[in-house]
Amino acid sequence: MQIIKWQDENGKVFTPNFKEMNEREQKQIRENNNPVELNHKITYPK
């Protein structure tokens, strides 16, 4: 088992907030997703 340590640009170790990261990514997809075929549209709850 590997342990991954996350560090900021100053070398400070931190634990990422995966829920926040996921919500931010979904928001970005909702705002910028423009599929050619609507049956391929990604729909996330708001």
N, C-alpha and C. Protein backbone atom coordinates (compact mmCIF):
# COMPACT_ATOMS: atom_id res chain seq x y z
N MET A 1 0.85 -1.18 0.00
CA MET A 1 0.00 0.00 0.00
C MET A 1 0.89 1.24 0.00
N GLN A 2 0.58 2.17 -0.89
CA GLN A 2 1.35 3.41 -0.96
C GLN A 2 0.58 4.53 -0.27
N ILE A 3 1.32 5.37 0.38
CA ILE A 3 0.74 6.56 1.00
C ILE A 3 1.19 7.76 0.19
N ILE A 4 0.23 8.51 -0.28
CA ILE A 4 0.54 9.69 -1.08
C ILE A 4 0.37 10.93 -0.22
N LYS A 5 1.39 11.77 -0.20
CA LYS A 5 1.32 13.02 0.55
C LYS A 5 1.16 14.17 -0.42
N TRP A 6 0.21 15.02 -0.15
CA TRP A 6 -0.02 16.20 -0.98
C TRP A 6 0.69 17.37 -0.34
N GLN A 7 1.35 18.19 -1.18
CA GLN A 7 2.06 19.35 -0.68
C GLN A 7 1.68 20.56 -1.53
N ASP A 8 1.61 21.71 -0.86
CA ASP A 8 1.38 22.94 -1.61
C ASP A 8 2.72 23.44 -2.16
N GLU A 9 2.69 24.57 -2.83
CA GLU A 9 3.91 25.09 -3.45
C GLU A 9 5.01 25.44 -2.45
N ASN A 10 4.65 25.59 -1.17
CA ASN A 10 5.64 25.90 -0.13
C ASN A 10 6.15 24.65 0.58
N GLY A 11 5.65 23.47 0.19
CA GLY A 11 6.08 22.22 0.81
C GLY A 11 5.26 21.81 2.01
N LYS A 12 4.21 22.56 2.33
CA LYS A 12 3.37 22.23 3.47
C LYS A 12 2.44 21.07 3.09
N VAL A 13 2.44 20.01 3.91
CA VAL A 13 1.62 18.83 3.66
C VAL A 13 0.17 19.15 4.03
N PHE A 14 -0.77 18.72 3.16
CA PHE A 14 -2.18 18.93 3.45
C PHE A 14 -3.00 17.75 2.96
N THR A 15 -4.23 17.64 3.45
CA THR A 15 -5.16 16.61 3.02
C THR A 15 -6.18 17.28 2.11
N PRO A 16 -6.31 16.81 0.87
CA PRO A 16 -7.25 17.44 -0.06
C PRO A 16 -8.70 17.13 0.32
N ASN A 17 -9.57 18.06 -0.01
CA ASN A 17 -11.00 17.88 0.21
C ASN A 17 -11.58 17.37 -1.11
N PHE A 18 -11.74 16.04 -1.21
CA PHE A 18 -12.16 15.45 -2.46
C PHE A 18 -13.60 15.82 -2.82
N LYS A 19 -14.45 16.02 -1.84
CA LYS A 19 -15.83 16.42 -2.11
C LYS A 19 -15.83 17.80 -2.79
N GLU A 20 -15.06 18.72 -2.26
CA GLU A 20 -14.97 20.06 -2.84
C GLU A 20 -14.38 20.00 -4.25
N MET A 21 -13.35 19.18 -4.44
CA MET A 21 -12.74 19.04 -5.76
C MET A 21 -13.75 18.48 -6.77
N ASN A 22 -14.53 17.49 -6.35
CA ASN A 22 -15.53 16.88 -7.21
C ASN A 22 -16.61 17.89 -7.59
N GLU A 23 -17.10 18.65 -6.62
CA GLU A 23 -18.12 19.65 -6.89
C GLU A 23 -17.61 20.74 -7.82
N ARG A 24 -16.37 21.16 -7.65
CA ARG A 24 -15.77 22.17 -8.52
C ARG A 24 -15.67 21.66 -9.96
N GLU A 25 -15.26 20.41 -10.12
CA GLU A 25 -15.14 19.81 -11.46
C GLU A 25 -16.51 19.69 -12.12
N GLN A 26 -17.52 19.26 -11.36
CA GLN A 26 -18.87 19.15 -11.91
C GLN A 26 -19.42 20.51 -12.32
N LYS A 27 -19.14 21.53 -11.54
CA LYS A 27 -19.58 22.89 -11.89
C LYS A 27 -18.94 23.33 -13.19
N GLN A 28 -17.65 23.07 -13.34
CA GLN A 28 -16.94 23.45 -14.55
C GLN A 28 -17.53 22.72 -15.76
N ILE A 29 -17.85 21.44 -15.61
CA ILE A 29 -18.44 20.67 -16.70
C ILE A 29 -19.82 21.21 -17.05
N ARG A 30 -20.64 21.51 -16.03
CA ARG A 30 -21.98 22.06 -16.27
C ARG A 30 -21.90 23.37 -17.06
N GLU A 31 -20.96 24.22 -16.71
CA GLU A 31 -20.86 25.53 -17.34
C GLU A 31 -20.26 25.48 -18.74
N ASN A 32 -19.41 24.50 -19.02
CA ASN A 32 -18.68 24.48 -20.28
C ASN A 32 -19.01 23.29 -21.18
N ASN A 33 -19.90 22.42 -20.76
CA ASN A 33 -20.24 21.26 -21.56
C ASN A 33 -21.22 21.66 -22.65
N ASN A 34 -20.83 21.46 -23.90
CA ASN A 34 -21.68 21.80 -25.03
C ASN A 34 -21.62 20.65 -26.03
N PRO A 35 -22.32 19.53 -25.72
CA PRO A 35 -22.24 18.36 -26.60
C PRO A 35 -22.95 18.60 -27.93
N VAL A 36 -22.45 17.98 -28.97
CA VAL A 36 -23.08 18.06 -30.29
C VAL A 36 -24.39 17.27 -30.26
N GLU A 37 -24.33 16.09 -29.64
CA GLU A 37 -25.52 15.25 -29.54
C GLU A 37 -26.04 15.31 -28.11
N LEU A 38 -27.28 15.73 -27.94
CA LEU A 38 -27.83 15.93 -26.60
C LEU A 38 -27.97 14.62 -25.82
N ASN A 39 -28.04 13.49 -26.49
CA ASN A 39 -28.13 12.23 -25.75
C ASN A 39 -26.79 11.86 -25.10
N HIS A 40 -25.72 12.61 -25.38
CA HIS A 40 -24.42 12.41 -24.73
C HIS A 40 -24.15 13.45 -23.65
N LYS A 41 -25.13 14.27 -23.37
CA LYS A 41 -24.99 15.33 -22.38
C LYS A 41 -24.77 14.73 -20.98
N ILE A 42 -23.87 15.32 -20.22
CA ILE A 42 -23.62 14.93 -18.84
C ILE A 42 -24.47 15.82 -17.96
N THR A 43 -25.34 15.21 -17.16
CA THR A 43 -26.21 15.99 -16.28
C THR A 43 -25.85 15.69 -14.83
N TYR A 44 -25.50 16.73 -14.09
CA TYR A 44 -25.18 16.60 -12.68
C TYR A 44 -26.23 17.35 -11.88
N PRO A 45 -26.55 16.85 -10.68
CA PRO A 45 -27.50 17.60 -9.83
C PRO A 45 -26.88 18.92 -9.39
N LYS A 46 -27.69 19.91 -9.17
CA LYS A 46 -27.20 21.22 -8.75
C LYS A 46 -27.10 21.33 -7.27
